[in-house]
Amino acid sequence: MIFVTDEIYAEIASRFFQRLEAGGNYFNGKIEYDTPEFYSTLTCSAILYRSQPDREEAVWGEVQQIVPVWWEFSACADGVAQEHDFSWSELATFFPYA
């Protein structure tokens, strides 16, 4: 079994928010996280609630809330799917607005 640590959650959250910088109110995609021991992918669709842009030249405001519509976390080691303890609720505690 793969135990998802705080460091892994923090890195996945960081990569997720880097992708959200592109803007929009909807996300549908994958975030990959690889280590020497395993590789993993968070696949999700989510609705993004954003603040109003704080500058005239800004098109999108900051993400204030993410509502997952669907998500799946998969992890593999040596090409074999592994059980894991990933939790969206735990991931959300690492979002910048949390």
Protein backbone atom coordinates (compact mmCIF):
# COMPACT_ATOMS: atom_id res chain seq x y z
CA MET A 1 0.00 0.00 0.00
CA ILE A 2 1.17 3.51 -0.82
CA PHE A 3 0.74 6.03 1.97
CA VAL A 4 0.30 9.56 0.67
CA THR A 5 2.37 11.87 2.86
CA ASP A 6 1.90 15.56 3.56
CA GLU A 7 4.82 16.28 1.23
CA ILE A 8 3.10 14.42 -1.62
CA TYR A 9 -0.20 16.21 -0.99
CA ALA A 10 1.61 19.56 -0.92
CA GLU A 11 3.38 18.86 -4.22
CA ILE A 12 0.21 17.67 -5.97
CA ALA A 13 -1.68 20.75 -4.71
CA SER A 14 1.13 23.00 -5.96
CA ARG A 15 1.12 21.38 -9.40
CA PHE A 16 -2.67 21.57 -9.51
CA PHE A 17 -2.68 25.32 -8.78
CA GLN A 18 0.05 25.92 -11.36
CA ARG A 19 -2.32 24.47 -13.93
CA LEU A 20 -5.19 26.65 -12.65
CA GLU A 21 -3.18 29.84 -13.29
CA ALA A 22 -4.19 29.56 -16.93
CA GLY A 23 -7.67 30.73 -15.90
CA GLY A 24 -11.14 29.45 -16.46
CA ASN A 25 -13.93 28.29 -14.21
CA TYR A 26 -13.59 24.60 -14.97
CA PHE A 27 -10.70 22.16 -14.81
CA ASN A 28 -10.58 18.79 -16.52
CA GLY A 29 -7.20 17.14 -16.61
CA LYS A 30 -4.42 15.17 -14.98
CA ILE A 31 -1.74 15.97 -12.46
CA GLU A 32 1.16 13.51 -12.45
CA TYR A 33 3.46 12.86 -9.51
CA ASP A 34 6.35 10.41 -9.82
CA THR A 35 8.90 9.12 -7.33
CA PRO A 36 11.58 6.43 -7.66
CA GLU A 37 9.22 4.07 -5.78
CA PHE A 38 5.96 4.74 -7.63
CA TYR A 39 4.21 6.95 -10.12
CA SER A 40 0.76 8.40 -9.67
CA THR A 41 -1.86 10.44 -11.45
CA LEU A 42 -4.71 12.57 -10.15
CA THR A 43 -7.38 12.81 -12.83
CA CYS A 44 -10.21 15.19 -12.06
CA SER A 45 -12.96 17.44 -13.24
CA ALA A 46 -13.71 20.40 -10.99
CA ILE A 47 -15.66 23.63 -10.91
CA LEU A 48 -13.58 26.64 -9.88
CA TYR A 49 -15.01 29.61 -8.03
CA ARG A 50 -12.86 32.70 -8.46
CA SER A 51 -12.79 36.18 -6.98
CA GLN A 52 -13.24 39.23 -9.15
CA PRO A 53 -9.96 40.25 -10.82
CA ASP A 54 -8.15 42.80 -8.65
CA ARG A 55 -6.45 44.53 -11.58
CA GLU A 56 -7.98 45.86 -14.77
CA GLU A 57 -5.54 43.89 -16.91
CA ALA A 58 -6.29 40.62 -15.09
CA VAL A 59 -8.82 38.37 -16.79
CA TRP A 60 -9.28 35.84 -13.97
CA GLY A 61 -9.46 36.32 -10.22
CA GLU A 62 -7.87 34.08 -7.61
CA VAL A 63 -9.32 30.63 -7.00
CA GLN A 64 -11.44 30.79 -3.84
CA GLN A 65 -13.02 27.35 -3.92
CA ILE A 66 -12.72 24.13 -5.88
CA VAL A 67 -15.67 21.76 -6.09
CA PRO A 68 -14.65 18.38 -7.46
CA VAL A 69 -17.18 16.89 -9.85
CA TRP A 70 -15.24 13.67 -10.30
CA TRP A 71 -11.74 12.55 -9.37
CA GLU A 72 -9.58 9.44 -9.39
CA PHE A 73 -6.12 8.93 -7.97
CA SER A 74 -4.12 6.02 -9.33
CA ALA A 75 -0.72 4.78 -8.20
CA CYS A 76 1.54 2.15 -9.75
CA ALA A 77 4.81 0.57 -8.68
CA ASP A 78 6.79 -1.60 -11.06
CA GLY A 79 3.90 -1.36 -13.54
CA VAL A 80 1.36 -2.79 -11.08
CA ALA A 81 -1.57 -0.80 -9.68
CA GLN A 82 -1.21 -0.21 -5.95
CA GLU A 83 -3.69 0.51 -3.21
CA HIS A 84 -3.28 3.92 -1.58
CA ASP A 85 -4.82 6.16 1.07
CA PHE A 86 -5.30 9.30 -1.08
CA SER A 87 -8.12 11.58 0.05
CA TRP A 88 -9.48 14.66 -1.75
CA SER A 89 -10.39 16.14 1.63
CA GLU A 90 -6.78 15.81 2.75
CA LEU A 91 -5.51 17.28 -0.54
CA ALA A 92 -7.83 20.28 -0.14
CA THR A 93 -6.12 21.23 3.15
CA PHE A 94 -3.02 22.04 1.06
CA PHE A 95 -4.81 24.44 -1.29
CA PRO A 96 -3.57 28.04 -0.88
CA TYR A 97 -6.98 29.34 0.16
CA ALA A 98 -7.58 26.61 2.76
